[in-house]
Amino acid sequence: QVQLVESGGGLVQAGGSLRLSCAASGLTASSYHMGWFRQAPGKEREFVAVASWNGVNTYYADSVKGRFTISRDNAKNTVYLQMNSLKPEDTAVYYCAADGPRPPIRRVAAAYDYWGQGTQVTVSS
């Protein structure tokens, strides 16, 4: 049984930082591209970042480029999202997702096979 469990969300002031973690079990993380998505109230789920199966290639949404960093530790089956210079518009539920095994890197939520339950990130102004 595949499980993705996010942690690290919370309430932070604008300009602050948070680090999200996603621990995967039931799959070999090194066979999957791992992505982060987010969904704000009343909005569709949107792509945030993705790291290729080996972590060499990373891609970001324009809205977070330069502020967020995705990384992964395949030995720990864990992917991270370091979020700096947070803005109120970053407020959302953040989800990690796995796409694999080893397809082309994709940024569309519908392409991902497994999802976590999400963690709330709230940025106050």
PDB file of N, CA and C in Angstrom:
ATOM      1  N   GLN A   1       0.849  -1.196   0.000  1.00  0.00           N
ATOM      2  CA  GLN A   1       0.000   0.000   0.000  1.00  0.00           C
ATOM      3  C   GLN A   1       0.885   1.246   0.000  1.00  0.00           C
ATOM      4  N   VAL A   2       0.661   2.093  -0.996  1.00  0.00           N
ATOM      5  CA  VAL A   2       1.455   3.309  -1.125  1.00  0.00           C
ATOM      6  C   VAL A   2       0.892   4.390  -0.216  1.00  0.00           C
ATOM      7  N   GLN A   3       1.792   5.038   0.494  1.00  0.00           N
ATOM      8  CA  GLN A   3       1.391   6.169   1.331  1.00  0.00           C
ATOM      9  C   GLN A   3       2.378   7.306   1.142  1.00  0.00           C
ATOM     10  N   LEU A   4       1.847   8.501   1.009  1.00  0.00           N
ATOM     11  CA  LEU A   4       2.640   9.726   1.009  1.00  0.00           C
ATOM     12  C   LEU A   4       2.116  10.572   2.164  1.00  0.00           C
ATOM     13  N   VAL A   5       2.994  10.949   3.068  1.00  0.00           N
ATOM     14  CA  VAL A   5       2.575  11.681   4.259  1.00  0.00           C
ATOM     15  C   VAL A   5       3.342  12.996   4.331  1.00  0.00           C
ATOM     16  N   GLU A   6       2.604  14.098   4.196  1.00  0.00           N
ATOM     17  CA  GLU A   6       3.209  15.423   4.264  1.00  0.00           C
ATOM     18  C   GLU A   6       3.249  15.911   5.706  1.00  0.00           C
ATOM     19  N   SER A   7       4.220  16.759   5.989  1.00  0.00           N
ATOM     20  CA  SER A   7       4.317  17.414   7.286  1.00  0.00           C
ATOM     21  C   SER A   7       5.039  18.735   7.116  1.00  0.00           C
ATOM     22  N   GLY A   8       4.967  19.573   8.131  1.00  0.00           N
ATOM     23  CA  GLY A   8       5.704  20.827   8.126  1.00  0.00           C
ATOM     24  C   GLY A   8       4.887  22.065   7.844  1.00  0.00           C
ATOM     25  N   GLY A   9       3.616  21.897   7.541  1.00  0.00           N
ATOM     26  CA  GLY A   9       2.786  23.069   7.301  1.00  0.00           C
ATOM     27  C   GLY A   9       2.516  23.837   8.591  1.00  0.00           C
ATOM     28  N   GLY A  10       1.902  24.994   8.442  1.00  0.00           N
ATOM     29  CA  GLY A  10       1.581  25.798   9.619  1.00  0.00           C
ATOM     30  C   GLY A  10       1.259  27.223   9.262  1.00  0.00           C
ATOM     31  N   LEU A  11       1.254  28.065  10.274  1.00  0.00           N
ATOM     32  CA  LEU A  11       0.961  29.485  10.123  1.00  0.00           C
ATOM     33  C   LEU A  11       2.270  30.266  10.218  1.00  0.00           C
ATOM     34  N   VAL A  12       2.494  31.148   9.253  1.00  0.00           N
ATOM     35  CA  VAL A  12       3.723  31.938   9.237  1.00  0.00           C
ATOM     36  C   VAL A  12       3.389  33.337   8.732  1.00  0.00           C
ATOM     37  N   GLN A  13       4.167  34.301   9.162  1.00  0.00           N
ATOM     38  CA  GLN A  13       3.969  35.665   8.679  1.00  0.00           C
ATOM     39  C   GLN A  13       4.595  35.841   7.297  1.00  0.00           C
ATOM     40  N   ALA A  14       4.080  36.789   6.560  1.00  0.00           N
ATOM     41  CA  ALA A  14       4.649  37.091   5.254  1.00  0.00           C
ATOM     42  C   ALA A  14       6.137  37.389   5.391  1.00  0.00           C
ATOM     43  N   GLY A  15       6.894  36.835   4.464  1.00  0.00           N
ATOM     44  CA  GLY A  15       8.343  36.970   4.502  1.00  0.00           C
ATOM     45  C   GLY A  15       9.041  35.831   5.218  1.00  0.00           C
ATOM     46  N   GLY A  16       8.280  35.007   5.899  1.00  0.00           N
ATOM     47  CA  GLY A  16       8.846  33.894   6.647  1.00  0.00           C
ATOM     48  C   GLY A  16       9.101  32.673   5.780  1.00  0.00           C
ATOM     49  N   SER A  17       9.505  31.593   6.449  1.00  0.00           N
ATOM     50  CA  SER A  17       9.872  30.365   5.758  1.00  0.00           C
ATOM     51  C   SER A  17       9.220  29.158   6.410  1.00  0.00           C
ATOM     52  N   LEU A  18       9.012  28.149   5.604  1.00  0.00           N
ATOM     53  CA  LEU A  18       8.571  26.840   6.076  1.00  0.00           C
ATOM     54  C   LEU A  18       9.265  25.777   5.234  1.00  0.00           C
ATOM     55  N   ARG A  19       9.426  24.608   5.826  1.00  0.00           N
ATOM     56  CA  ARG A  19       9.963  23.468   5.086  1.00  0.00           C
ATOM     57  C   ARG A  19       8.982  22.323   5.188  1.00  0.00           C
ATOM     58  N   LEU A  20       8.451  21.925   4.048  1.00  0.00           N
ATOM     59  CA  LEU A  20       7.543  20.797   3.996  1.00  0.00           C
ATOM     60  C   LEU A  20       8.318  19.524   3.710  1.00  0.00           C
ATOM     61  N   SER A  21       7.852  18.427   4.287  1.00  0.00           N
ATOM     62  CA  SER A  21       8.431  17.114   4.019  1.00  0.00           C
ATOM     63  C   SER A  21       7.331  16.179   3.544  1.00  0.00           C
ATOM     64  N   CYS A  22       7.726  15.222   2.746  1.00  0.00           N
ATOM     65  CA  CYS A  22       6.798  14.193   2.275  1.00  0.00           C
ATOM     66  C   CYS A  22       7.519  12.858   2.350  1.00  0.00           C
ATOM     67  N   ALA A  23       7.050  12.006   3.250  1.00  0.00           N
ATOM     68  CA  ALA A  23       7.643  10.684   3.421  1.00  0.00           C
ATOM     69  C   ALA A  23       6.821   9.668   2.654  1.00  0.00           C
ATOM     70  N   ALA A  24       7.499   8.916   1.801  1.00  0.00           N
ATOM     71  CA  ALA A  24       6.828   7.926   0.968  1.00  0.00           C
ATOM     72  C   ALA A  24       7.095   6.523   1.496  1.00  0.00           C
ATOM     73  N   SER A  25       6.073   5.691   1.442  1.00  0.00           N
ATOM     74  CA  SER A  25       6.224   4.272   1.782  1.00  0.00           C
ATOM     75  C   SER A  25       5.414   3.454   0.789  1.00  0.00           C
ATOM     76  N   GLY A  26       5.820   2.212   0.629  1.00  0.00           N
ATOM     77  CA  GLY A  26       5.115   1.341  -0.303  1.00  0.00           C
ATOM     78  C   GLY A  26       5.526   1.510  -1.746  1.00  0.00           C
ATOM     79  N   LEU A  27       6.496   2.368  -1.992  1.00  0.00           N
ATOM     80  CA  LEU A  27       7.039   2.504  -3.333  1.00  0.00           C
ATOM     81  C   LEU A  27       8.510   2.855  -3.209  1.00  0.00           C
ATOM     82  N   THR A  28       9.225   2.625  -4.294  1.00  0.00           N
ATOM     83  CA  THR A  28      10.640   2.988  -4.333  1.00  0.00           C
ATOM     84  C   THR A  28      10.727   4.391  -4.915  1.00  0.00           C
ATOM     85  N   ALA A  29      10.989   5.357  -4.073  1.00  0.00           N
ATOM     86  CA  ALA A  29      10.919   6.759  -4.488  1.00  0.00           C
ATOM     87  C   ALA A  29      11.825   7.045  -5.672  1.00  0.00           C
ATOM     88  N   SER A  30      12.933   6.334  -5.763  1.00  0.00           N
ATOM     89  CA  SER A  30      13.881   6.598  -6.846  1.00  0.00           C
ATOM     90  C   SER A  30      13.331   6.220  -8.214  1.00  0.00           C
ATOM     91  N   SER A  31      12.191   5.558  -8.257  1.00  0.00           N
ATOM     92  CA  SER A  31      11.562   5.223  -9.532  1.00  0.00           C
ATOM     93  C   SER A  31      10.510   6.241  -9.942  1.00  0.00           C
ATOM     94  N   TYR A  32      10.288   7.240  -9.109  1.00  0.00           N
ATOM     95  CA  TYR A  32       9.203   8.189  -9.341  1.00  0.00           C
ATOM     96  C   TYR A  32       9.715   9.631  -9.354  1.00  0.00           C
ATOM     97  N   HIS A  33       9.156  10.417 -10.262  1.00  0.00           N
ATOM     98  CA  HIS A  33       9.288  11.868 -10.129  1.00  0.00           C
ATOM     99  C   HIS A  33       8.356  12.285  -8.998  1.00  0.00           C
ATOM    100  N   MET A  34       8.805  13.218  -8.177  1.00  0.00           N
ATOM    101  CA  MET A  34       8.014  13.656  -7.041  1.00  0.00           C
ATOM    102  C   MET A  34       7.683  15.132  -7.190  1.00  0.00           C
ATOM    103  N   GLY A  35       6.407  15.439  -7.058  1.00  0.00           N
ATOM    104  CA  GLY A  35       5.977  16.819  -7.243  1.00  0.00           C
ATOM    105  C   GLY A  35       5.242  17.364  -6.037  1.00  0.00           C
ATOM    106  N   TRP A  36       5.168  18.677  -5.999  1.00  0.00           N
ATOM    107  CA  TRP A  36       4.345  19.388  -5.020  1.00  0.00           C
ATOM    108  C   TRP A  36       3.291  20.191  -5.779  1.00  0.00           C
ATOM    109  N   PHE A  37       2.087  20.123  -5.293  1.00  0.00           N
ATOM    110  CA  PHE A  37       0.969  20.902  -5.820  1.00  0.00           C
ATOM    111  C   PHE A  37       0.315  21.633  -4.648  1.00  0.00           C
ATOM    112  N   ARG A  38      -0.521  22.605  -4.964  1.00  0.00           N
ATOM    113  CA  ARG A  38      -1.247  23.294  -3.905  1.00  0.00           C
ATOM    114  C   ARG A  38      -2.639  23.651  -4.389  1.00  0.00           C
ATOM    115  N   GLN A  39      -3.528  23.802  -3.439  1.00  0.00           N
ATOM    116  CA  GLN A  39      -4.905  24.163  -3.752  1.00  0.00           C
ATOM    117  C   GLN A  39      -5.421  25.145  -2.715  1.00  0.00           C
ATOM    118  N   ALA A  40      -5.765  26.320  -3.191  1.00  0.00           N
ATOM    119  CA  ALA A  40      -6.349  27.346  -2.337  1.00  0.00           C
ATOM    120  C   ALA A  40      -7.871  27.227  -2.398  1.00  0.00           C
ATOM    121  N   PRO A  41      -8.565  27.731  -1.390  1.00  0.00           N
ATOM    122  CA  PRO A  41     -10.035  27.647  -1.378  1.00  0.00           C
ATOM    123  C   PRO A  41     -10.641  28.251  -2.634  1.00  0.00           C
ATOM    124  N   GLY A  42     -11.534  27.506  -3.266  1.00  0.00           N
ATOM    125  CA  GLY A  42     -12.222  28.000  -4.447  1.00  0.00           C
ATOM    126  C   GLY A  42     -11.401  27.970  -5.720  1.00  0.00           C
ATOM    127  N   LYS A  43     -10.199  27.418  -5.641  1.00  0.00           N
ATOM    128  CA  LYS A  43      -9.339  27.369  -6.821  1.00  0.00           C
ATOM    129  C   LYS A  43      -8.981  25.936  -7.168  1.00  0.00           C
ATOM    130  N   GLU A  44      -8.516  25.751  -8.398  1.00  0.00           N
ATOM    131  CA  GLU A  44      -8.093  24.426  -8.821  1.00  0.00           C
ATOM    132  C   GLU A  44      -6.711  24.118  -8.253  1.00  0.00           C
ATOM    133  N   ARG A  45      -6.414  22.830  -8.164  1.00  0.00           N
ATOM    134  CA  ARG A  45      -5.091  22.405  -7.728  1.00  0.00           C
ATOM    135  C   ARG A  45      -4.070  22.830  -8.783  1.00  0.00           C
ATOM    136  N   GLU A  46      -2.971  23.413  -8.316  1.00  0.00           N
ATOM    137  CA  GLU A  46      -1.978  23.902  -9.261  1.00  0.00           C
ATOM    138  C   GLU A  46      -0.598  23.343  -8.960  1.00  0.00           C
ATOM    139  N   PHE A  47       0.174  23.235 -10.018  1.00  0.00           N
ATOM    140  CA  PHE A  47       1.541  22.747  -9.926  1.00  0.00           C
ATOM    141  C   PHE A  47       2.411  23.757  -9.193  1.00  0.00           C
ATOM    142  N   VAL A  48       3.311  23.256  -8.339  1.00  0.00           N
ATOM    143  CA  VAL A  48       4.264  24.113  -7.635  1.00  0.00           C
ATOM    144  C   VAL A  48       5.696  23.780  -8.058  1.00  0.00           C
ATOM    145  N   ALA A  49       6.080  22.491  -7.934  1.00  0.00           N
ATOM    146  CA  ALA A  49       7.453  22.102  -8.251  1.00  0.00           C
ATOM    147  C   ALA A  49       7.506  20.598  -8.460  1.00  0.00           C
ATOM    148  N   VAL A  50       8.530  20.165  -9.185  1.00  0.00           N
ATOM    149  CA  VAL A  50       8.749  18.735  -9.379  1.00  0.00           C
ATOM    150  C   VAL A  50      10.242  18.470  -9.419  1.00  0.00           C
ATOM    151  N   ALA A  51      10.634  17.323  -8.864  1.00  0.00           N
ATOM    152  CA  ALA A  51      12.019  16.868  -8.934  1.00  0.00           C
ATOM    153  C   ALA A  51      12.028  15.532  -9.647  1.00  0.00           C
ATOM    154  N   SER A  52      12.957  15.382 -10.592  1.00  0.00           N
ATOM    155  CA  SER A  52      13.058  14.116 -11.313  1.00  0.00           C
ATOM    156  C   SER A  52      13.445  13.002 -10.354  1.00  0.00           C
ATOM    157  N   TRP A  53      13.356  11.773 -10.834  1.00  0.00           N
ATOM    158  CA  TRP A  53      13.562  10.610  -9.984  1.00  0.00           C
ATOM    159  C   TRP A  53      14.904  10.631  -9.258  1.00  0.00           C
ATOM    160  N   ASN A  54      15.921  11.213  -9.882  1.00  0.00           N
ATOM    161  CA  ASN A  54      17.257  11.263  -9.263  1.00  0.00           C
ATOM    162  C   ASN A  54      17.574  12.633  -8.683  1.00  0.00           C
ATOM    163  N   GLY A  55      16.616  13.546  -8.744  1.00  0.00           N
ATOM    164  CA  GLY A  55      16.824  14.870  -8.174  1.00  0.00           C
ATOM    165  C   GLY A  55      17.645  15.810  -9.021  1.00  0.00           C
ATOM    166  N   VAL A  56      18.099  15.349 -10.173  1.00  0.00           N
ATOM    167  CA  VAL A  56      18.979  16.180 -11.002  1.00  0.00           C
ATOM    168  C   VAL A  56      18.206  17.322 -11.659  1.00  0.00           C
ATOM    169  N   ASN A  57      17.011  17.021 -12.104  1.00  0.00           N
ATOM    170  CA  ASN A  57      16.196  18.030 -12.793  1.00  0.00           C
ATOM    171  C   ASN A  57      15.053  18.488 -11.904  1.00  0.00           C
ATOM    172  N   THR A  58      14.915  19.794 -11.797  1.00  0.00           N
ATOM    173  CA  THR A  58      13.828  20.378 -11.018  1.00  0.00           C
ATOM    174  C   THR A  58      13.154  21.479 -11.832  1.00  0.00           C
ATOM    175  N   TYR A  59      11.867  21.618 -11.640  1.00  0.00           N
ATOM    176  CA  TYR A  59      11.082  22.625 -12.349  1.00  0.00           C
ATOM    177  C   TYR A  59      10.115  23.277 -11.368  1.00  0.00           C
ATOM    178  N   TYR A  60       9.831  24.538 -11.622  1.00  0.00           N
ATOM    179  CA  TYR A  60       9.003  25.307 -10.698  1.00  0.00           C
ATOM    180  C   TYR A  60       7.945  26.102 -11.458  1.00  0.00           C
ATOM    181  N   ALA A  61       6.853  26.349 -10.781  1.00  0.00           N
ATOM    182  CA  ALA A  61       5.882  27.307 -11.288  1.00  0.00           C
ATOM    183  C   ALA A  61       6.507  28.698 -11.235  1.00  0.00           C
ATOM    184  N   ASP A  62       6.153  29.533 -12.174  1.00  0.00           N
ATOM    185  CA  ASP A  62       6.712  30.888 -12.210  1.00  0.00           C
ATOM    186  C   ASP A  62       6.442  31.641 -10.913  1.00  0.00           C
ATOM    187  N   SER A  63       5.315  31.362 -10.289  1.00  0.00           N
ATOM    188  CA  SER A  63       4.913  32.105  -9.092  1.00  0.00           C
ATOM    189  C   SER A  63       5.800  31.810  -7.886  1.00  0.00           C
ATOM    190  N   VAL A  64       6.549  30.718  -7.927  1.00  0.00           N
ATOM    191  CA  VAL A  64       7.386  30.357  -6.773  1.00  0.00           C
ATOM    192  C   VAL A  64       8.869  30.319  -7.116  1.00  0.00           C
ATOM    193  N   LYS A  65       9.194  30.487  -8.376  1.00  0.00           N
ATOM    194  CA  LYS A  65      10.586  30.405  -8.802  1.00  0.00           C
ATOM    195  C   LYS A  65      11.427  31.428  -8.071  1.00  0.00           C
ATOM    196  N   GLY A  66      12.563  30.979  -7.554  1.00  0.00           N
ATOM    197  CA  GLY A  66      13.450  31.857  -6.802  1.00  0.00           C
ATOM    198  C   GLY A  66      13.139  31.930  -5.324  1.00  0.00           C
ATOM    199  N   ARG A  67      11.978  31.428  -4.930  1.00  0.00           N
ATOM    200  CA  ARG A  67      11.592  31.443  -3.506  1.00  0.00           C
ATOM    201  C   ARG A  67      11.497  30.034  -2.918  1.00  0.00           C
ATOM    202  N   PHE A  68      11.058  29.081  -3.717  1.00  0.00           N
ATOM    203  CA  PHE A  68      10.884  27.697  -3.259  1.00  0.00           C
ATOM    204  C   PHE A  68      11.983  26.819  -3.847  1.00  0.00           C
ATOM    205  N   THR A  69      12.355  25.800  -3.082  1.00  0.00           N
ATOM    206  CA  THR A  69      13.342  24.827  -3.559  1.00  0.00           C
ATOM    207  C   THR A  69      12.855  23.426  -3.234  1.00  0.00           C
ATOM    208  N   ILE A  70      12.789  22.582  -4.254  1.00  0.00           N
ATOM    209  CA  ILE A  70      12.427  21.181  -4.051  1.00  0.00           C
ATOM    210  C   ILE A  70      13.703  20.351  -4.013  1.00  0.00           C
ATOM    211  N   SER A  71      13.720  19.375  -3.122  1.00  0.00           N
ATOM    212  CA  SER A  71      14.860  18.465  -3.038  1.00  0.00           C
ATOM    213  C   SER A  71      14.347  17.109  -2.588  1.00  0.00           C
ATOM    214  N   ARG A  72      15.198  16.118  -2.709  1.00  0.00           N
ATOM    215  CA  ARG A  72      14.778  14.781  -2.308  1.00  0.00           C
ATOM    216  C   ARG A  72      15.957  13.997  -1.773  1.00  0.00           C
ATOM    217  N   ASP A  73      15.642  13.058  -0.897  1.00  0.00           N
ATOM    218  CA  ASP A  73      16.625  12.132  -0.344  1.00  0.00           C
ATOM    219  C   ASP A  73      16.068  10.739  -0.587  1.00  0.00           C
ATOM    220  N   ASN A  74      16.520  10.107  -1.645  1.00  0.00           N
ATOM    221  CA  ASN A  74      15.967   8.791  -2.010  1.00  0.00           C
ATOM    222  C   ASN A  74      16.308   7.726  -0.984  1.00  0.00           C
ATOM    223  N   ALA A  75      17.399   7.889  -0.285  1.00  0.00           N
ATOM    224  CA  ALA A  75      17.748   6.915   0.761  1.00  0.00           C
ATOM    225  C   ALA A  75      16.704   6.931   1.872  1.00  0.00           C
ATOM    226  N   LYS A  76      16.068   8.084   2.060  1.00  0.00           N
ATOM    227  CA  LYS A  76      15.028   8.214   3.087  1.00  0.00           C
ATOM    228  C   LYS A  76      13.628   8.192   2.486  1.00  0.00           C
ATOM    229  N   ASN A  77      13.535   8.014   1.170  1.00  0.00           N
ATOM    230  CA  ASN A  77      12.226   8.026   0.501  1.00  0.00           C
ATOM    231  C   ASN A  77      11.444   9.293   0.855  1.00  0.00           C
ATOM    232  N   THR A  78      12.129  10.411   0.862  1.00  0.00           N
ATOM    233  CA  THR A  78      11.520  11.665   1.307  1.00  0.00           C
ATOM    234  C   THR A  78      11.825  12.782   0.324  1.00  0.00           C
ATOM    235  N   VAL A  79      10.834  13.635   0.108  1.00  0.00           N
ATOM    236  CA  VAL A  79      11.004  14.828  -0.723  1.00  0.00           C
ATOM    237  C   VAL A  79      10.655  16.044   0.133  1.00  0.00           C
ATOM    238  N   TYR A  80      11.330  17.139  -0.145  1.00  0.00           N
ATOM    239  CA  TYR A  80      11.178  18.352   0.650  1.00  0.00           C
ATOM    240  C   TYR A  80      10.781  19.531  -0.235  1.00  0.00           C
ATOM    241  N   LEU A  81      10.154  20.509   0.390  1.00  0.00           N
ATOM    242  CA  LEU A  81       9.896  21.780  -0.277  1.00  0.00           C
ATOM    243  C   LEU A  81      10.253  22.892   0.705  1.00  0.00           C
ATOM    244  N   GLN A  82      11.364  23.538   0.432  1.00  0.00           N
ATOM    245  CA  GLN A  82      11.776  24.683   1.234  1.00  0.00           C
ATOM    246  C   GLN A  82      11.118  25.930   0.652  1.00  0.00           C
ATOM    247  N   MET A  83      10.358  26.623   1.489  1.00  0.00           N
ATOM    248  CA  MET A  83       9.603  27.788   1.028  1.00  0.00           C
ATOM    249  C   MET A  83      10.097  29.020   1.781  1.00  0.00           C
ATOM    250  N   ASN A  84      10.668  29.939   1.058  1.00  0.00           N
ATOM    251  CA  ASN A  84      11.173  31.183   1.632  1.00  0.00           C
ATOM    252  C   ASN A  84      10.385  32.372   1.086  1.00  0.00           C
ATOM    253  N   SER A  85      10.528  33.501   1.758  1.00  0.00           N
ATOM    254  CA  SER A  85       9.863  34.742   1.326  1.00  0.00           C
ATOM    255  C   SER A  85       8.385  34.505   1.040  1.00  0.00           C
ATOM    256  N   LEU A  86       7.739  33.845   1.957  1.00  0.00           N
ATOM    257  CA  LEU A  86       6.342  33.473   1.744  1.00  0.00           C
ATOM    258  C   LEU A  86       5.442  34.697   1.653  1.00  0.00           C
ATOM    259  N   LYS A  87       4.422  34.561   0.831  1.00  0.00           N
ATOM    260  CA  LYS A  87       3.458  35.625   0.594  1.00  0.00           C
ATOM    261  C   LYS A  87       2.059  35.132   0.962  1.00  0.00           C
ATOM    262  N   PRO A  88       1.153  36.036   1.285  1.00  0.00           N
ATOM    263  CA  PRO A  88      -0.216  35.598   1.594  1.00  0.00           C
ATOM    264  C   PRO A  88      -0.837  34.764   0.469  1.00  0.00           C
ATOM    265  N   GLU A  89      -0.486  35.035  -0.763  1.00  0.00           N
ATOM    266  CA  GLU A  89      -1.053  34.269  -1.881  1.00  0.00           C
ATOM    267  C   GLU A  89      -0.498  32.853  -1.972  1.00  0.00           C
ATOM    268  N   ASP A  90       0.478  32.518  -1.132  1.00  0.00           N
ATOM    269  CA  ASP A  90       0.964  31.136  -1.053  1.00  0.00           C
ATOM    270  C   ASP A  90       0.086  30.280  -0.146  1.00  0.00           C
ATOM    271  N   THR A  91      -0.867  30.905   0.528  1.00  0.00           N
ATOM    272  CA  THR A  91      -1.760  30.171   1.420  1.00  0.00           C
ATOM    273  C   THR A  91      -2.552  29.132   0.638  1.00  0.00           C
ATOM    274  N   ALA A  92      -2.473  27.880   1.081  1.00  0.00           N
ATOM    275  CA  ALA A  92      -3.129  26.771   0.379  1.00  0.00           C
ATOM    276  C   ALA A  92      -2.872  25.483   1.146  1.00  0.00           C
ATOM    277  N   VAL A  93      -3.564  24.444   0.733  1.00  0.00           N
ATOM    278  CA  VAL A  93      -3.194  23.098   1.154  1.00  0.00           C
ATOM    279  C   VAL A  93      -2.168  22.583   0.150  1.00  0.00           C
ATOM    280  N   TYR A  94      -1.051  22.117   0.657  1.00  0.00           N
ATOM    281  CA  TYR A  94       0.038  21.630  -0.184  1.00  0.00           C
ATOM    282  C   TYR A  94       0.040  20.106  -0.178  1.00  0.00           C
ATOM    283  N   TYR A  95       0.139  19.553  -1.383  1.00  0.00           N
ATOM    284  CA  TYR A  95       0.108  18.105  -1.571  1.00  0.00           C
ATOM    285  C   TYR A  95       1.401  17.646  -2.245  1.00  0.00           C
ATOM    286  N   CYS A  96       1.927  16.518  -1.810  1.00  0.00           N
ATOM    287  CA  CYS A  96       2.982  15.900  -2.589  1.00  0.00           C
ATOM    288  C   CYS A  96       2.370  14.760  -3.400  1.00  0.00           C
ATOM    289  N   ALA A  97       3.019  14.441  -4.493  1.00  0.00           N
ATOM    290  CA  ALA A  97       2.496  13.436  -5.413  1.00  0.00           C
ATOM    291  C   ALA A  97       3.642  12.721  -6.101  1.00  0.00           C
ATOM    292  N   ALA A  98       3.377  11.474  -6.494  1.00  0.00           N
ATOM    293  CA  ALA A  98       4.379  10.651  -7.168  1.00  0.00           C
ATOM    294  C   ALA A  98       3.894  10.282  -8.559  1.00  0.00           C
ATOM    295  N   ASP A  99       4.777  10.417  -9.531  1.00  0.00           N
ATOM    296  CA  ASP A  99       4.470  10.109 -10.931  1.00  0.00           C
ATOM    297  C   ASP A  99       5.522   9.130 -11.421  1.00  0.00           C
ATOM    298  N   GLY A 100       5.105   7.942 -11.783  1.00  0.00           N
ATOM    299  CA  GLY A 100       6.111   6.997 -12.231  1.00  0.00           C
ATOM    300  C   GLY A 100       5.539   5.690 -12.684  1.00  0.00           C
ATOM    301  N   PRO A 101       6.402   4.682 -12.942  1.00  0.00           N
ATOM    302  CA  PRO A 101       7.839   4.836 -12.773  1.00  0.00           C
ATOM    303  C   PRO A 101       8.523   5.515 -13.958  1.00  0.00           C
ATOM    304  N   ARG A 102       9.246   6.591 -13.619  1.00  0.00           N
ATOM    305  CA  ARG A 102      10.122   7.320 -14.524  1.00  0.00           C
ATOM    306  C   ARG A 102       9.513   7.672 -15.871  1.00  0.00           C
ATOM    307  N   PRO A 103       8.387   8.361 -15.868  1.00  0.00           N
ATOM    308  CA  PRO A 103       7.840   8.873 -17.127  1.00  0.00           C
ATOM    309  C   PRO A 103       8.565  10.159 -17.493  1.00  0.00           C
ATOM    310  N   PRO A 104       8.216  10.800 -18.591  1.00  0.00           N
ATOM    311  CA  PRO A 104       8.701  12.178 -18.787  1.00  0.00           C
ATOM    312  C   PRO A 104       8.213  13.046 -17.625  1.00  0.00           C
ATOM    313  N   ILE A 105       8.970  14.050 -17.287  1.00  0.00           N
ATOM    314  CA  ILE A 105       8.568  14.921 -16.183  1.00  0.00           C
ATOM    315  C   ILE A 105       7.319  15.699 -16.585  1.00  0.00           C
ATOM    316  N   ARG A 106       6.304  15.673 -15.717  1.00  0.00           N
ATOM    317  CA  ARG A 106       5.039  16.314 -16.045  1.00  0.00           C
ATOM    318  C   ARG A 106       4.614  17.249 -14.933  1.00  0.00           C
ATOM    319  N   ARG A 107       3.825  18.241 -15.299  1.00  0.00           N
ATOM    320  CA  ARG A 107       3.388  19.257 -14.343  1.00  0.00           C
ATOM    321  C   ARG A 107       1.877  19.282 -14.194  1.00  0.00           C
ATOM    322  N   VAL A 108       1.213  18.266 -14.725  1.00  0.00           N
ATOM    323  CA  VAL A 108      -0.242  18.201 -14.690  1.00  0.00           C
ATOM    324  C   VAL A 108      -0.663  17.238 -13.600  1.00  0.00           C
ATOM    325  N   ALA A 109      -1.545  17.703 -12.726  1.00  0.00           N
ATOM    326  CA  ALA A 109      -1.953  16.892 -11.580  1.00  0.00           C
ATOM    327  C   ALA A 109      -2.544  15.552 -12.005  1.00  0.00           C
ATOM    328  N   ALA A 110      -3.283  15.540 -13.093  1.00  0.00           N
ATOM    329  CA  ALA A 110      -3.961  14.319 -13.519  1.00  0.00           C
ATOM    330  C   ALA A 110      -2.978  13.210 -13.873  1.00  0.00           C
ATOM    331  N   ALA A 111      -1.728  13.559 -14.136  1.00  0.00           N
ATOM    332  CA  ALA A 111      -0.729  12.561 -14.529  1.00  0.00           C
ATOM    333  C   ALA A 111      -0.157  11.809 -13.338  1.00  0.00           C
ATOM    334  N   TYR A 112      -0.352  12.310 -12.144  1.00  0.00           N
ATOM    335  CA  TYR A 112       0.297  11.736 -10.967  1.00  0.00           C
ATOM    336  C   TYR A 112      -0.523  10.586 -10.399  1.00  0.00           C
ATOM    337  N   ASP A 113       0.212   9.550  -9.989  1.00  0.00           N
ATOM    338  CA  ASP A 113      -0.436   8.304  -9.582  1.00  0.00           C
ATOM    339  C   ASP A 113      -0.825   8.273  -8.113  1.00  0.00           C
ATOM    340  N   TYR A 114      -0.020   8.862  -7.281  1.00  0.00           N
ATOM    341  CA  TYR A 114      -0.239   8.776  -5.840  1.00  0.00           C
ATOM    342  C   TYR A 114      -0.169  10.167  -5.214  1.00  0.00           C
ATOM    343  N   TRP A 115      -1.004  10.348  -4.185  1.00  0.00           N
ATOM    344  CA  TRP A 115      -1.117  11.657  -3.536  1.00  0.00           C
ATOM    345  C   TRP A 115      -1.101  11.513  -2.019  1.00  0.00           C
ATOM    346  N   GLY A 116      -0.548  12.528  -1.366  1.00  0.00           N
ATOM    347  CA  GLY A 116      -0.664  12.604   0.075  1.00  0.00           C
ATOM    348  C   GLY A 116      -1.977  13.258   0.476  1.00  0.00           C
ATOM    349  N   GLN A 117      -2.170  13.395   1.777  1.00  0.00           N
ATOM    350  CA  GLN A 117      -3.426  13.937   2.290  1.00  0.00           C
ATOM    351  C   GLN A 117      -3.406  15.457   2.351  1.00  0.00           C
ATOM    352  N   GLY A 118      -2.236  16.042   2.220  1.00  0.00           N
ATOM    353  CA  GLY A 118      -2.109  17.494   2.205  1.00  0.00           C
ATOM    354  C   GLY A 118      -1.752  18.071   3.563  1.00  0.00           C
ATOM    355  N   THR A 119      -1.096  19.213   3.533  1.00  0.00           N
ATOM    356  CA  THR A 119      -0.760  19.941   4.749  1.00  0.00           C
ATOM    357  C   THR A 119      -1.067  21.426   4.519  1.00  0.00           C
ATOM    358  N   GLN A 120      -1.684  22.059   5.501  1.00  0.00           N
ATOM    359  CA  GLN A 120      -2.127  23.446   5.349  1.00  0.00           C
ATOM    360  C   GLN A 120      -0.967  24.404   5.586  1.00  0.00           C
ATOM    361  N   VAL A 121      -0.822  25.340   4.682  1.00  0.00           N
ATOM    362  CA  VAL A 121       0.124  26.438   4.832  1.00  0.00           C
ATOM    363  C   VAL A 121      -0.681  27.738   4.808  1.00  0.00           C
ATOM    364  N   THR A 122      -0.546  28.526   5.857  1.00  0.00           N
ATOM    365  CA  THR A 122      -1.250  29.801   5.948  1.00  0.00           C
ATOM    366  C   THR A 122      -0.234  30.911   6.176  1.00  0.00           C
ATOM    367  N   VAL A 123      -0.254  31.897   5.300  1.00  0.00           N
ATOM    368  CA  VAL A 123       0.676  33.017   5.392  1.00  0.00           C
ATOM    369  C   VAL A 123      -0.130  34.268   5.708  1.00  0.00           C
ATOM    370  N   SER A 124       0.154  34.866   6.836  1.00  0.00           N
ATOM    371  CA  SER A 124      -0.567  36.066   7.244  1.00  0.00           C
ATOM    372  C   SER A 124       0.177  37.309   6.778  1.00  0.00           C
ATOM    373  N   SER A 125      -0.594  38.346   6.497  1.00  0.00           N
ATOM    374  CA  SER A 125       0.012  39.599   6.009  1.00  0.00           C
ATOM    375  C   SER A 125       0.363  40.530   7.147  1.00  0.00           C
TER     376      SER A 125
END
